[in-house]
């Protein structure tokens, strides 16, 4: 009897790991960009 190899679960797990990594990178990047803009606006408001 020959069994067909099931690797669908492994493929789904890989896609989930890739997607979660991308989300974490995006959130970190957006937070850093937001902090940069915040410091710019604080500097401008203190100069006025």
C-alpha atoms as a PDB file:
ATOM      1  CA  UNK A   1       0.000   0.000   0.000  1.00  0.00           C
ATOM      2  CA  UNK A   2       1.428   3.376  -1.030  1.00  0.00           C
ATOM      3  CA  UNK A   3       0.436   6.472   0.919  1.00  0.00           C
ATOM      4  CA  UNK A   4       0.339   9.885  -0.671  1.00  0.00           C
ATOM      5  CA  UNK A   5       2.527  12.356   1.180  1.00  0.00           C
ATOM      6  CA  UNK A   6       0.463  15.077   2.839  1.00  0.00           C
ATOM      7  CA  UNK A   7       2.336  18.357   3.143  1.00  0.00           C
ATOM      8  CA  UNK A   8      -0.578  20.777   2.987  1.00  0.00           C
ATOM      9  CA  UNK A   9      -0.312  21.574   6.697  1.00  0.00           C
ATOM     10  CA  UNK A  10       3.380  22.362   6.346  1.00  0.00           C
ATOM     11  CA  UNK A  11       2.663  24.707   3.445  1.00  0.00           C
ATOM     12  CA  UNK A  12      -0.037  26.531   5.391  1.00  0.00           C
ATOM     13  CA  UNK A  13       2.286  26.849   8.381  1.00  0.00           C
ATOM     14  CA  UNK A  14       5.006  28.313   6.185  1.00  0.00           C
ATOM     15  CA  UNK A  15       2.610  30.889   4.745  1.00  0.00           C
ATOM     16  CA  UNK A  16       1.446  31.852   8.234  1.00  0.00           C
ATOM     17  CA  UNK A  17       5.022  32.293   9.426  1.00  0.00           C
ATOM     18  CA  UNK A  18       5.920  34.412   6.404  1.00  0.00           C
ATOM     19  CA  UNK A  19       2.807  36.569   6.791  1.00  0.00           C
ATOM     20  CA  UNK A  20       3.388  37.095  10.512  1.00  0.00           C
ATOM     21  CA  UNK A  21       6.997  38.101   9.885  1.00  0.00           C
ATOM     22  CA  UNK A  22       5.896  40.645   7.281  1.00  0.00           C
ATOM     23  CA  UNK A  23       3.286  42.061   9.670  1.00  0.00           C
ATOM     24  CA  UNK A  24       5.834  42.420  12.480  1.00  0.00           C
ATOM     25  CA  UNK A  25       8.293  44.189  10.167  1.00  0.00           C
ATOM     26  CA  UNK A  26       5.575  46.561   8.923  1.00  0.00           C
ATOM     27  CA  UNK A  27       4.381  47.430  12.425  1.00  0.00           C
ATOM     28  CA  UNK A  28       7.942  48.119  13.562  1.00  0.00           C
ATOM     29  CA  UNK A  29       8.607  50.291  10.532  1.00  0.00           C
ATOM     30  CA  UNK A  30       5.396  52.283  10.922  1.00  0.00           C
ATOM     31  CA  UNK A  31       6.136  52.889  14.596  1.00  0.00           C
ATOM     32  CA  UNK A  32       9.620  54.167  13.764  1.00  0.00           C
ATOM     33  CA  UNK A  33       8.258  56.441  11.047  1.00  0.00           C
ATOM     34  CA  UNK A  34       5.586  57.733  13.447  1.00  0.00           C
ATOM     35  CA  UNK A  35       8.161  58.481  16.122  1.00  0.00           C
ATOM     36  CA  UNK A  36      10.243  60.372  13.579  1.00  0.00           C
ATOM     37  CA  UNK A  37       7.300  62.523  12.488  1.00  0.00           C
ATOM     38  CA  UNK A  38       6.348  63.131  16.100  1.00  0.00           C
ATOM     39  CA  UNK A  39       9.790  64.514  16.923  1.00  0.00           C
ATOM     40  CA  UNK A  40       9.646  66.776  13.862  1.00  0.00           C
ATOM     41  CA  UNK A  41       6.308  68.245  14.962  1.00  0.00           C
ATOM     42  CA  UNK A  42       7.533  68.686  18.544  1.00  0.00           C
ATOM     43  CA  UNK A  43      10.594  70.571  17.309  1.00  0.00           C
ATOM     44  CA  UNK A  44       8.447  72.805  15.105  1.00  0.00           C
ATOM     45  CA  UNK A  45       5.956  73.535  17.887  1.00  0.00           C
ATOM     46  CA  UNK A  46       8.783  74.413  20.312  1.00  0.00           C
ATOM     47  CA  UNK A  47      10.344  76.753  17.748  1.00  0.00           C
ATOM     48  CA  UNK A  48       7.107  78.710  17.308  1.00  0.00           C
END
